Amino acid sequence: MTVDEYLDAAPEPQRTTLRALRAMLLSFLPDAEEAMSYGVPAFKVRSKAVVGYAHAKRHCSYFPHSGAVFSIVEPELLEGYDWSNGTLRFPVDQVLDEPLVRRLIDIRIAMLDKEQ
């Protein structure tokens, strides 16, 4: 399954929400590789997944592909969201806030930079 096939198969309003998130991610990660990872769309930088996303019946999910990301991000950016170490859940009809997504990506990329 491709990213486009995954999104085409998503129900509404999840499909529209995830397409908007994908566009945001593309703007933040223009050189990243888009691929399916663990059955969901993901963006890879230097062959490592830095963000994934998915739909469920009652929410959409953002995956930072590192359990440490949410412990580093400023707590006020996560206010109002349901999250655990590896997943941030958000409403099916509301795209994540751009400043939050930008910060999560910055943290994850910084982690990759330290691994090199």
PDB file of N, CA and C in Angstrom:
ATOM      1  N   MET A   1       0.839  -1.179   0.000  1.00  0.00           N
ATOM      2  CA  MET A   1       0.000   0.000   0.000  1.00  0.00           C
ATOM      3  C   MET A   1       0.889   1.248   0.000  1.00  0.00           C
ATOM      4  N   THR A   2       0.506   2.236  -0.782  1.00  0.00           N
ATOM      5  CA  THR A   2       1.240   3.493  -0.836  1.00  0.00           C
ATOM      6  C   THR A   2       0.606   4.508   0.116  1.00  0.00           C
ATOM      7  N   VAL A   3       1.297   5.616   0.322  1.00  0.00           N
ATOM      8  CA  VAL A   3       0.753   6.690   1.156  1.00  0.00           C
ATOM      9  C   VAL A   3      -0.555   7.191   0.560  1.00  0.00           C
ATOM     10  N   ASP A   4      -0.579   7.411  -0.735  1.00  0.00           N
ATOM     11  CA  ASP A   4      -1.814   7.883  -1.368  1.00  0.00           C
ATOM     12  C   ASP A   4      -2.950   6.882  -1.210  1.00  0.00           C
ATOM     13  N   GLU A   5      -2.668   5.604  -1.358  1.00  0.00           N
ATOM     14  CA  GLU A   5      -3.708   4.579  -1.178  1.00  0.00           C
ATOM     15  C   GLU A   5      -4.214   4.578   0.262  1.00  0.00           C
ATOM     16  N   TYR A   6      -3.306   4.725   1.221  1.00  0.00           N
ATOM     17  CA  TYR A   6      -3.700   4.779   2.630  1.00  0.00           C
ATOM     18  C   TYR A   6      -4.651   5.958   2.871  1.00  0.00           C
ATOM     19  N   LEU A   7      -4.273   7.123   2.362  1.00  0.00           N
ATOM     20  CA  LEU A   7      -5.101   8.306   2.570  1.00  0.00           C
ATOM     21  C   LEU A   7      -6.423   8.202   1.822  1.00  0.00           C
ATOM     22  N   ASP A   8      -6.402   7.673   0.613  1.00  0.00           N
ATOM     23  CA  ASP A   8      -7.638   7.498  -0.152  1.00  0.00           C
ATOM     24  C   ASP A   8      -8.616   6.572   0.561  1.00  0.00           C
ATOM     25  N   ALA A   9      -8.100   5.600   1.300  1.00  0.00           N
ATOM     26  CA  ALA A   9      -8.951   4.631   2.004  1.00  0.00           C
ATOM     27  C   ALA A   9      -9.451   5.147   3.356  1.00  0.00           C
ATOM     28  N   ALA A  10      -8.908   6.237   3.840  1.00  0.00           N
ATOM     29  CA  ALA A  10      -9.323   6.773   5.141  1.00  0.00           C
ATOM     30  C   ALA A  10     -10.732   7.355   5.036  1.00  0.00           C
ATOM     31  N   PRO A  11     -11.525   7.201   6.087  1.00  0.00           N
ATOM     32  CA  PRO A  11     -12.861   7.808   6.083  1.00  0.00           C
ATOM     33  C   PRO A  11     -12.762   9.325   6.273  1.00  0.00           C
ATOM     34  N   GLU A  12     -13.818  10.014   5.975  1.00  0.00           N
ATOM     35  CA  GLU A  12     -13.892  11.443   6.288  1.00  0.00           C
ATOM     36  C   GLU A  12     -14.430  11.591   7.711  1.00  0.00           C
ATOM     37  N   PRO A  13     -13.999  12.582   8.480  1.00  0.00           N
ATOM     38  CA  PRO A  13     -13.124  13.687   8.113  1.00  0.00           C
ATOM     39  C   PRO A  13     -11.635  13.380   8.282  1.00  0.00           C
ATOM     40  N   GLN A  14     -11.290  12.153   8.698  1.00  0.00           N
ATOM     41  CA  GLN A  14      -9.883  11.802   8.895  1.00  0.00           C
ATOM     42  C   GLN A  14      -9.056  12.035   7.632  1.00  0.00           C
ATOM     43  N   ARG A  15      -9.610  11.693   6.468  1.00  0.00           N
ATOM     44  CA  ARG A  15      -8.860  11.830   5.217  1.00  0.00           C
ATOM     45  C   ARG A  15      -8.424  13.280   4.996  1.00  0.00           C
ATOM     46  N   THR A  16      -9.359  14.197   5.131  1.00  0.00           N
ATOM     47  CA  THR A  16      -9.051  15.610   4.931  1.00  0.00           C
ATOM     48  C   THR A  16      -8.052  16.108   5.969  1.00  0.00           C
ATOM     49  N   THR A  17      -8.220  15.708   7.208  1.00  0.00           N
ATOM     50  CA  THR A  17      -7.318  16.119   8.288  1.00  0.00           C
ATOM     51  C   THR A  17      -5.904  15.609   8.028  1.00  0.00           C
ATOM     52  N   LEU A  18      -5.776  14.336   7.663  1.00  0.00           N
ATOM     53  CA  LEU A  18      -4.444  13.772   7.427  1.00  0.00           C
ATOM     54  C   LEU A  18      -3.800  14.326   6.159  1.00  0.00           C
ATOM     55  N   ARG A  19      -4.586  14.639   5.161  1.00  0.00           N
ATOM     56  CA  ARG A  19      -4.007  15.275   3.966  1.00  0.00           C
ATOM     57  C   ARG A  19      -3.464  16.658   4.308  1.00  0.00           C
ATOM     58  N   ALA A  20      -4.155  17.384   5.177  1.00  0.00           N
ATOM     59  CA  ALA A  20      -3.657  18.695   5.610  1.00  0.00           C
ATOM     60  C   ALA A  20      -2.379  18.532   6.429  1.00  0.00           C
ATOM     61  N   LEU A  21      -2.332  17.527   7.301  1.00  0.00           N
ATOM     62  CA  LEU A  21      -1.118  17.261   8.080  1.00  0.00           C
ATOM     63  C   LEU A  21       0.024  16.880   7.141  1.00  0.00           C
ATOM     64  N   ARG A  22      -0.254  16.052   6.156  1.00  0.00           N
ATOM     65  CA  ARG A  22       0.770  15.655   5.188  1.00  0.00           C
ATOM     66  C   ARG A  22       1.344  16.874   4.472  1.00  0.00           C
ATOM     67  N   ALA A  23       0.477  17.797   4.055  1.00  0.00           N
ATOM     68  CA  ALA A  23       0.949  19.010   3.381  1.00  0.00           C
ATOM     69  C   ALA A  23       1.848  19.826   4.309  1.00  0.00           C
ATOM     70  N   MET A  24       1.475  19.919   5.576  1.00  0.00           N
ATOM     71  CA  MET A  24       2.302  20.637   6.547  1.00  0.00           C
ATOM     72  C   MET A  24       3.654  19.956   6.687  1.00  0.00           C
ATOM     73  N   LEU A  25       3.640  18.639   6.814  1.00  0.00           N
ATOM     74  CA  LEU A  25       4.890  17.890   6.963  1.00  0.00           C
ATOM     75  C   LEU A  25       5.773  18.052   5.729  1.00  0.00           C
ATOM     76  N   LEU A  26       5.176  18.032   4.552  1.00  0.00           N
ATOM     77  CA  LEU A  26       5.939  18.242   3.314  1.00  0.00           C
ATOM     78  C   LEU A  26       6.600  19.618   3.307  1.00  0.00           C
ATOM     79  N   SER A  27       5.902  20.613   3.839  1.00  0.00           N
ATOM     80  CA  SER A  27       6.483  21.963   3.861  1.00  0.00           C
ATOM     81  C   SER A  27       7.646  22.047   4.855  1.00  0.00           C
ATOM     82  N   PHE A  28       7.576  21.298   5.943  1.00  0.00           N
ATOM     83  CA  PHE A  28       8.638  21.301   6.945  1.00  0.00           C
ATOM     84  C   PHE A  28       9.795  20.370   6.564  1.00  0.00           C
ATOM     85  N   LEU A  29       9.492  19.327   5.802  1.00  0.00           N
ATOM     86  CA  LEU A  29      10.492  18.311   5.455  1.00  0.00           C
ATOM     87  C   LEU A  29      10.527  18.089   3.944  1.00  0.00           C
ATOM     88  N   PRO A  30      10.837  19.131   3.169  1.00  0.00           N
ATOM     89  CA  PRO A  30      10.742  19.006   1.711  1.00  0.00           C
ATOM     90  C   PRO A  30      11.681  17.971   1.099  1.00  0.00           C
ATOM     91  N   ASP A  31      12.772  17.646   1.768  1.00  0.00           N
ATOM     92  CA  ASP A  31      13.725  16.685   1.224  1.00  0.00           C
ATOM     93  C   ASP A  31      13.566  15.287   1.809  1.00  0.00           C
ATOM     94  N   ALA A  32      12.583  15.105   2.680  1.00  0.00           N
ATOM     95  CA  ALA A  32      12.381  13.796   3.304  1.00  0.00           C
ATOM     96  C   ALA A  32      11.756  12.818   2.312  1.00  0.00           C
ATOM     97  N   GLU A  33      11.983  11.564   2.584  1.00  0.00           N
ATOM     98  CA  GLU A  33      11.386  10.485   1.794  1.00  0.00           C
ATOM     99  C   GLU A  33      10.047  10.126   2.426  1.00  0.00           C
ATOM    100  N   GLU A  34       9.013  10.071   1.616  1.00  0.00           N
ATOM    101  CA  GLU A  34       7.706   9.616   2.098  1.00  0.00           C
ATOM    102  C   GLU A  34       7.599   8.127   1.843  1.00  0.00           C
ATOM    103  N   ALA A  35       7.156   7.393   2.854  1.00  0.00           N
ATOM    104  CA  ALA A  35       7.050   5.939   2.714  1.00  0.00           C
ATOM    105  C   ALA A  35       6.037   5.412   3.719  1.00  0.00           C
ATOM    106  N   MET A  36       5.703   4.155   3.568  1.00  0.00           N
ATOM    107  CA  MET A  36       4.890   3.480   4.574  1.00  0.00           C
ATOM    108  C   MET A  36       5.853   2.827   5.566  1.00  0.00           C
ATOM    109  N   SER A  37       5.565   2.975   6.837  1.00  0.00           N
ATOM    110  CA  SER A  37       6.389   2.388   7.892  1.00  0.00           C
ATOM    111  C   SER A  37       5.457   1.842   8.957  1.00  0.00           C
ATOM    112  N   TYR A  38       5.592   0.567   9.270  1.00  0.00           N
ATOM    113  CA  TYR A  38       4.704  -0.086  10.233  1.00  0.00           C
ATOM    114  C   TYR A  38       3.237   0.067   9.821  1.00  0.00           C
ATOM    115  N   GLY A  39       2.978   0.103   8.520  1.00  0.00           N
ATOM    116  CA  GLY A  39       1.614   0.146   8.013  1.00  0.00           C
ATOM    117  C   GLY A  39       0.977   1.520   7.957  1.00  0.00           C
ATOM    118  N   VAL A  40       1.740   2.566   8.274  1.00  0.00           N
ATOM    119  CA  VAL A  40       1.190   3.923   8.235  1.00  0.00           C
ATOM    120  C   VAL A  40       2.159   4.850   7.484  1.00  0.00           C
ATOM    121  N   PRO A  41       1.647   5.977   6.982  1.00  0.00           N
ATOM    122  CA  PRO A  41       2.517   6.923   6.292  1.00  0.00           C
ATOM    123  C   PRO A  41       3.581   7.485   7.232  1.00  0.00           C
ATOM    124  N   ALA A  42       4.772   7.705   6.672  1.00  0.00           N
ATOM    125  CA  ALA A  42       5.867   8.245   7.465  1.00  0.00           C
ATOM    126  C   ALA A  42       6.774   9.087   6.580  1.00  0.00           C
ATOM    127  N   PHE A  43       7.536   9.933   7.223  1.00  0.00           N
ATOM    128  CA  PHE A  43       8.571  10.707   6.560  1.00  0.00           C
ATOM    129  C   PHE A  43       9.900  10.256   7.126  1.00  0.00           C
ATOM    130  N   LYS A  44      10.854   9.998   6.220  1.00  0.00           N
ATOM    131  CA  LYS A  44      12.179   9.537   6.632  1.00  0.00           C
ATOM    132  C   LYS A  44      13.237  10.558   6.242  1.00  0.00           C
ATOM    133  N   VAL A  45      14.166  10.752   7.152  1.00  0.00           N
ATOM    134  CA  VAL A  45      15.322  11.611   6.924  1.00  0.00           C
ATOM    135  C   VAL A  45      16.549  10.743   7.167  1.00  0.00           C
ATOM    136  N   ARG A  46      17.450  10.730   6.209  1.00  0.00           N
ATOM    137  CA  ARG A  46      18.630   9.874   6.295  1.00  0.00           C
ATOM    138  C   ARG A  46      18.234   8.422   6.600  1.00  0.00           C
ATOM    139  N   SER A  47      17.189   7.965   5.939  1.00  0.00           N
ATOM    140  CA  SER A  47      16.668   6.592   6.040  1.00  0.00           C
ATOM    141  C   SER A  47      16.051   6.261   7.392  1.00  0.00           C
ATOM    142  N   LYS A  48      15.864   7.245   8.262  1.00  0.00           N
ATOM    143  CA  LYS A  48      15.252   7.005   9.580  1.00  0.00           C
ATOM    144  C   LYS A  48      13.920   7.738   9.653  1.00  0.00           C
ATOM    145  N   ALA A  49      12.889   7.055  10.140  1.00  0.00           N
ATOM    146  CA  ALA A  49      11.577   7.673  10.288  1.00  0.00           C
ATOM    147  C   ALA A  49      11.635   8.772  11.347  1.00  0.00           C
ATOM    148  N   VAL A  50      11.109   9.941  10.989  1.00  0.00           N
ATOM    149  CA  VAL A  50      11.071  11.054  11.939  1.00  0.00           C
ATOM    150  C   VAL A  50       9.650  11.421  12.331  1.00  0.00           C
ATOM    151  N   VAL A  51       8.689  11.014  11.537  1.00  0.00           N
ATOM    152  CA  VAL A  51       7.286  11.252  11.866  1.00  0.00           C
ATOM    153  C   VAL A  51       6.419  10.280  11.069  1.00  0.00           C
ATOM    154  N   GLY A  52       5.384   9.809  11.740  1.00  0.00           N
ATOM    155  CA  GLY A  52       4.367   8.992  11.098  1.00  0.00           C
ATOM    156  C   GLY A  52       3.011   9.500  11.529  1.00  0.00           C
ATOM    157  N   TYR A  53       1.993   9.098  10.802  1.00  0.00           N
ATOM    158  CA  TYR A  53       0.637   9.524  11.161  1.00  0.00           C
ATOM    159  C   TYR A  53      -0.359   8.473  10.705  1.00  0.00           C
ATOM    160  N   ALA A  54      -1.529   8.485  11.361  1.00  0.00           N
ATOM    161  CA  ALA A  54      -2.521   7.451  11.066  1.00  0.00           C
ATOM    162  C   ALA A  54      -3.915   7.930  11.447  1.00  0.00           C
ATOM    163  N   HIS A  55      -4.893   7.166  11.001  1.00  0.00           N
ATOM    164  CA  HIS A  55      -6.271   7.448  11.387  1.00  0.00           C
ATOM    165  C   HIS A  55      -6.827   6.267  12.167  1.00  0.00           C
ATOM    166  N   ALA A  56      -7.775   6.566  13.023  1.00  0.00           N
ATOM    167  CA  ALA A  56      -8.531   5.559  13.755  1.00  0.00           C
ATOM    168  C   ALA A  56      -9.989   6.024  13.744  1.00  0.00           C
ATOM    169  N   LYS A  57     -10.841   5.247  14.322  1.00  0.00           N
ATOM    170  CA  LYS A  57     -12.268   5.585  14.283  1.00  0.00           C
ATOM    171  C   LYS A  57     -12.563   6.916  14.975  1.00  0.00           C
ATOM    172  N   ARG A  58     -11.950   7.125  16.142  1.00  0.00           N
ATOM    173  CA  ARG A  58     -12.301   8.294  16.948  1.00  0.00           C
ATOM    174  C   ARG A  58     -11.192   9.341  17.076  1.00  0.00           C
ATOM    175  N   HIS A  59     -10.056   9.114  16.434  1.00  0.00           N
ATOM    176  CA  HIS A  59      -8.955  10.070  16.518  1.00  0.00           C
ATOM    177  C   HIS A  59      -7.981   9.850  15.363  1.00  0.00           C
ATOM    178  N   CYS A  60      -7.078  10.795  15.208  1.00  0.00           N
ATOM    179  CA  CYS A  60      -5.929  10.635  14.332  1.00  0.00           C
ATOM    180  C   CYS A  60      -4.703  10.590  15.233  1.00  0.00           C
ATOM    181  N   SER A  61      -3.613  10.054  14.733  1.00  0.00           N
ATOM    182  CA  SER A  61      -2.407   9.894  15.552  1.00  0.00           C
ATOM    183  C   SER A  61      -1.182  10.454  14.846  1.00  0.00           C
ATOM    184  N   TYR A  62      -0.266  10.966  15.663  1.00  0.00           N
ATOM    185  CA  TYR A  62       1.042  11.441  15.227  1.00  0.00           C
ATOM    186  C   TYR A  62       2.061  10.595  15.971  1.00  0.00           C
ATOM    187  N   PHE A  63       3.020  10.038  15.235  1.00  0.00           N
ATOM    188  CA  PHE A  63       4.045   9.184  15.831  1.00  0.00           C
ATOM    189  C   PHE A  63       5.422   9.824  15.619  1.00  0.00           C
ATOM    190  N   PRO A  64       6.145  10.159  16.685  1.00  0.00           N
ATOM    191  CA  PRO A  64       7.451  10.794  16.528  1.00  0.00           C
ATOM    192  C   PRO A  64       8.594   9.817  16.249  1.00  0.00           C
ATOM    193  N   HIS A  65       8.304   8.524  16.283  1.00  0.00           N
ATOM    194  CA  HIS A  65       9.305   7.478  16.052  1.00  0.00           C
ATOM    195  C   HIS A  65      10.473   7.547  17.032  1.00  0.00           C
ATOM    196  N   SER A  66      10.200   8.091  18.202  1.00  0.00           N
ATOM    197  CA  SER A  66      11.131   8.043  19.332  1.00  0.00           C
ATOM    198  C   SER A  66      10.318   8.345  20.584  1.00  0.00           C
ATOM    199  N   GLY A  67      10.395   7.468  21.558  1.00  0.00           N
ATOM    200  CA  GLY A  67       9.660   7.662  22.794  1.00  0.00           C
ATOM    201  C   GLY A  67      10.135   8.837  23.616  1.00  0.00           C
ATOM    202  N   ALA A  68      11.292   9.385  23.290  1.00  0.00           N
ATOM    203  CA  ALA A  68      11.845  10.499  24.072  1.00  0.00           C
ATOM    204  C   ALA A  68      11.338  11.868  23.624  1.00  0.00           C
ATOM    205  N   VAL A  69      10.775  11.976  22.439  1.00  0.00           N
ATOM    206  CA  VAL A  69      10.399  13.282  21.897  1.00  0.00           C
ATOM    207  C   VAL A  69       9.419  14.022  22.801  1.00  0.00           C
ATOM    208  N   PHE A  70       8.356  13.352  23.238  1.00  0.00           N
ATOM    209  CA  PHE A  70       7.336  14.043  24.028  1.00  0.00           C
ATOM    210  C   PHE A  70       7.841  14.445  25.407  1.00  0.00           C
ATOM    211  N   SER A  71       8.862  13.776  25.912  1.00  0.00           N
ATOM    212  CA  SER A  71       9.408  14.162  27.212  1.00  0.00           C
ATOM    213  C   SER A  71      10.281  15.411  27.097  1.00  0.00           C
ATOM    214  N   ILE A  72      10.706  15.743  25.874  1.00  0.00           N
ATOM    215  CA  ILE A  72      11.555  16.909  25.652  1.00  0.00           C
ATOM    216  C   ILE A  72      10.743  18.153  25.282  1.00  0.00           C
ATOM    217  N   VAL A  73       9.654  17.957  24.554  1.00  0.00           N
ATOM    218  CA  VAL A  73       8.865  19.102  24.083  1.00  0.00           C
ATOM    219  C   VAL A  73       8.275  19.863  25.272  1.00  0.00           C
ATOM    220  N   GLU A  74       8.109  21.146  25.093  1.00  0.00           N
ATOM    221  CA  GLU A  74       7.546  21.984  26.141  1.00  0.00           C
ATOM    222  C   GLU A  74       6.126  21.519  26.474  1.00  0.00           C
ATOM    223  N   PRO A  75       5.829  21.283  27.751  1.00  0.00           N
ATOM    224  CA  PRO A  75       4.526  20.740  28.146  1.00  0.00           C
ATOM    225  C   PRO A  75       3.331  21.550  27.650  1.00  0.00           C
ATOM    226  N   GLU A  76       3.471  22.865  27.589  1.00  0.00           N
ATOM    227  CA  GLU A  76       2.333  23.686  27.157  1.00  0.00           C
ATOM    228  C   GLU A  76       1.949  23.420  25.708  1.00  0.00           C
ATOM    229  N   LEU A  77       2.882  22.943  24.889  1.00  0.00           N
ATOM    230  CA  LEU A  77       2.551  22.613  23.505  1.00  0.00           C
ATOM    231  C   LEU A  77       1.678  21.370  23.403  1.00  0.00           C
ATOM    232  N   LEU A  78       1.728  20.517  24.423  1.00  0.00           N
ATOM    233  CA  LEU A  78       0.934  19.285  24.417  1.00  0.00           C
ATOM    234  C   LEU A  78      -0.401  19.435  25.143  1.00  0.00           C
ATOM    235  N   GLU A  79      -0.633  20.607  25.752  1.00  0.00           N
ATOM    236  CA  GLU A  79      -1.880  20.816  26.486  1.00  0.00           C
ATOM    237  C   GLU A  79      -3.084  20.600  25.577  1.00  0.00           C
ATOM    238  N   GLY A  80      -4.052  19.874  26.087  1.00  0.00           N
ATOM    239  CA  GLY A  80      -5.269  19.608  25.341  1.00  0.00           C
ATOM    240  C   GLY A  80      -5.220  18.378  24.459  1.00  0.00           C
ATOM    241  N   TYR A  81      -4.057  17.748  24.373  1.00  0.00           N
ATOM    242  CA  TYR A  81      -3.924  16.537  23.556  1.00  0.00           C
ATOM    243  C   TYR A  81      -3.778  15.320  24.457  1.00  0.00           C
ATOM    244  N   ASP A  82      -4.253  14.192  23.968  1.00  0.00           N
ATOM    245  CA  ASP A  82      -4.072  12.902  24.632  1.00  0.00           C
ATOM    246  C   ASP A  82      -2.808  12.281  24.048  1.00  0.00           C
ATOM    247  N   TRP A  83      -1.849  11.964  24.894  1.00  0.00           N
ATOM    248  CA  TRP A  83      -0.595  11.430  24.384  1.00  0.00           C
ATOM    249  C   TRP A  83       0.024  10.434  25.348  1.00  0.00           C
ATOM    250  N   SER A  84       0.879   9.604  24.795  1.00  0.00           N
ATOM    251  CA  SER A  84       1.706   8.672  25.553  1.00  0.00           C
ATOM    252  C   SER A  84       3.094   8.775  24.937  1.00  0.00           C
ATOM    253  N   ASN A  85       4.053   7.989  25.402  1.00  0.00           N
ATOM    254  CA  ASN A  85       5.430   8.117  24.913  1.00  0.00           C
ATOM    255  C   ASN A  85       5.563   8.070  23.394  1.00  0.00           C
ATOM    256  N   GLY A  86       4.792   7.238  22.731  1.00  0.00           N
ATOM    257  CA  GLY A  86       4.985   7.059  21.301  1.00  0.00           C
ATOM    258  C   GLY A  86       3.870   7.560  20.412  1.00  0.00           C
ATOM    259  N   THR A  87       2.806   8.132  20.982  1.00  0.00           N
ATOM    260  CA  THR A  87       1.655   8.527  20.181  1.00  0.00           C
ATOM    261  C   THR A  87       1.024   9.805  20.713  1.00  0.00           C
ATOM    262  N   LEU A  88       0.697  10.688  19.802  1.00  0.00           N
ATOM    263  CA  LEU A  88      -0.082  11.881  20.114  1.00  0.00           C
ATOM    264  C   LEU A  88      -1.398  11.738  19.366  1.00  0.00           C
ATOM    265  N   ARG A  89      -2.508  11.695  20.108  1.00  0.00           N
ATOM    266  CA  ARG A  89      -3.823  11.546  19.483  1.00  0.00           C
ATOM    267  C   ARG A  89      -4.481  12.920  19.374  1.00  0.00           C
ATOM    268  N   PHE A  90      -5.126  13.164  18.232  1.00  0.00           N
ATOM    269  CA  PHE A  90      -5.794  14.445  18.027  1.00  0.00           C
ATOM    270  C   PHE A  90      -7.123  14.230  17.308  1.00  0.00           C
ATOM    271  N   PRO A  91      -8.038  15.208  17.404  1.00  0.00           N
ATOM    272  CA  PRO A  91      -9.376  15.033  16.831  1.00  0.00           C
ATOM    273  C   PRO A  91      -9.350  14.749  15.336  1.00  0.00           C
ATOM    274  N   VAL A  92     -10.326  13.965  14.895  1.00  0.00           N
ATOM    275  CA  VAL A  92     -10.402  13.558  13.495  1.00  0.00           C
ATOM    276  C   VAL A  92     -10.632  14.730  12.550  1.00  0.00           C
ATOM    277  N   ASP A  93     -11.096  15.842  13.088  1.00  0.00           N
ATOM    278  CA  ASP A  93     -11.431  16.974  12.233  1.00  0.00           C
ATOM    279  C   ASP A  93     -10.604  18.225  12.530  1.00  0.00           C
ATOM    280  N   GLN A  94      -9.449  18.038  13.208  1.00  0.00           N
ATOM    281  CA  GLN A  94      -8.596  19.188  13.538  1.00  0.00           C
ATOM    282  C   GLN A  94      -7.132  18.823  13.323  1.00  0.00           C
ATOM    283  N   VAL A  95      -6.498  19.546  12.432  1.00  0.00           N
ATOM    284  CA  VAL A  95      -5.069  19.322  12.181  1.00  0.00           C
ATOM    285  C   VAL A  95      -4.280  19.832  13.389  1.00  0.00           C
ATOM    286  N   LEU A  96      -3.179  19.185  13.676  1.00  0.00           N
ATOM    287  CA  LEU A  96      -2.309  19.631  14.768  1.00  0.00           C
ATOM    288  C   LEU A  96      -1.823  21.055  14.515  1.00  0.00           C
ATOM    289  N   ASP A  97      -1.543  21.770  15.598  1.00  0.00           N
ATOM    290  CA  ASP A  97      -1.022  23.133  15.492  1.00  0.00           C
ATOM    291  C   ASP A  97       0.361  23.111  14.842  1.00  0.00           C
ATOM    292  N   GLU A  98       0.597  24.039  13.919  1.00  0.00           N
ATOM    293  CA  GLU A  98       1.887  24.113  13.226  1.00  0.00           C
ATOM    294  C   GLU A  98       3.069  24.282  14.176  1.00  0.00           C
ATOM    295  N   PRO A  99       2.987  25.167  15.198  1.00  0.00           N
ATOM    296  CA  PRO A  99       4.148  25.302  16.099  1.00  0.00           C
ATOM    297  C   PRO A  99       4.492  23.995  16.819  1.00  0.00           C
ATOM    298  N   LEU A 100       3.482  23.213  17.172  1.00  0.00           N
ATOM    299  CA  LEU A 100       3.728  21.929  17.822  1.00  0.00           C
ATOM    300  C   LEU A 100       4.422  20.978  16.856  1.00  0.00           C
ATOM    301  N   VAL A 101       3.904  20.848  15.653  1.00  0.00           N
ATOM    302  CA  VAL A 101       4.493  19.942  14.664  1.00  0.00           C
ATOM    303  C   VAL A 101       5.928  20.362  14.353  1.00  0.00           C
ATOM    304  N   ARG A 102       6.149  21.651  14.170  1.00  0.00           N
ATOM    305  CA  ARG A 102       7.504  22.146  13.890  1.00  0.00           C
ATOM    306  C   ARG A 102       8.457  21.781  15.018  1.00  0.00           C
ATOM    307  N   ARG A 103       8.024  21.945  16.262  1.00  0.00           N
ATOM    308  CA  ARG A 103       8.878  21.648  17.419  1.00  0.00           C
ATOM    309  C   ARG A 103       9.160  20.154  17.517  1.00  0.00           C
ATOM    310  N   LEU A 104       8.137  19.328  17.298  1.00  0.00           N
ATOM    311  CA  LEU A 104       8.325  17.871  17.359  1.00  0.00           C
ATOM    312  C   LEU A 104       9.333  17.415  16.298  1.00  0.00           C
ATOM    313  N   ILE A 105       9.230  17.976  15.114  1.00  0.00           N
ATOM    314  CA  ILE A 105      10.171  17.622  14.051  1.00  0.00           C
ATOM    315  C   ILE A 105      11.582  18.101  14.409  1.00  0.00           C
ATOM    316  N   ASP A 106      11.695  19.320  14.908  1.00  0.00           N
ATOM    317  CA  ASP A 106      13.012  19.842  15.295  1.00  0.00           C
ATOM    318  C   ASP A 106      13.680  18.950  16.339  1.00  0.00           C
ATOM    319  N   ILE A 107      12.900  18.504  17.319  1.00  0.00           N
ATOM    320  CA  ILE A 107      13.449  17.629  18.365  1.00  0.00           C
ATOM    321  C   ILE A 107      13.918  16.314  17.759  1.00  0.00           C
ATOM    322  N   ARG A 108      13.097  15.731  16.914  1.00  0.00           N
ATOM    323  CA  ARG A 108      13.439  14.432  16.322  1.00  0.00           C
ATOM    324  C   ARG A 108      14.670  14.543  15.417  1.00  0.00           C
ATOM    325  N   ILE A 109      14.760  15.600  14.632  1.00  0.00           N
ATOM    326  CA  ILE A 109      15.923  15.794  13.766  1.00  0.00           C
ATOM    327  C   ILE A 109      17.177  15.998  14.614  1.00  0.00           C
ATOM    328  N   ALA A 110      17.073  16.753  15.701  1.00  0.00           N
ATOM    329  CA  ALA A 110      18.215  16.951  16.597  1.00  0.00           C
ATOM    330  C   ALA A 110      18.684  15.613  17.169  1.00  0.00           C
ATOM    331  N   MET A 111      17.754  14.715  17.455  1.00  0.00           N
ATOM    332  CA  MET A 111      18.124  13.372  17.942  1.00  0.00           C
ATOM    333  C   MET A 111      18.904  12.620  16.876  1.00  0.00           C
ATOM    334  N   LEU A 112      18.469  12.716  15.632  1.00  0.00           N
ATOM    335  CA  LEU A 112      19.190  12.053  14.547  1.00  0.00           C
ATOM    336  C   LEU A 112      20.590  12.630  14.404  1.00  0.00           C
ATOM    337  N   ASP A 113      20.702  13.939  14.535  1.00  0.00           N
ATOM    338  CA  ASP A 113      22.009  14.592  14.407  1.00  0.00           C
ATOM    339  C   ASP A 113      22.977  14.089  15.491  1.00  0.00           C
ATOM    340  N   LYS A 114      22.480  13.851  16.681  1.00  0.00           N
ATOM    341  CA  LYS A 114      23.329  13.364  17.780  1.00  0.00           C
ATOM    342  C   LYS A 114      23.782  11.921  17.547  1.00  0.00           C
ATOM    343  N   GLU A 115      22.958  11.155  16.802  1.00  0.00           N
ATOM    344  CA  GLU A 115      23.289   9.755  16.540  1.00  0.00           C
ATOM    345  C   GLU A 115      24.441   9.622  15.554  1.00  0.00           C
ATOM    346  N   GLN A 116      24.689  10.650  14.756  1.00  0.00           N
ATOM    347  CA  GLN A 116      25.734  10.558  13.723  1.00  0.00           C
ATOM    348  C   GLN A 116      27.119  10.675  14.294  1.00  0.00           C
TER     349      GLN A 116
END
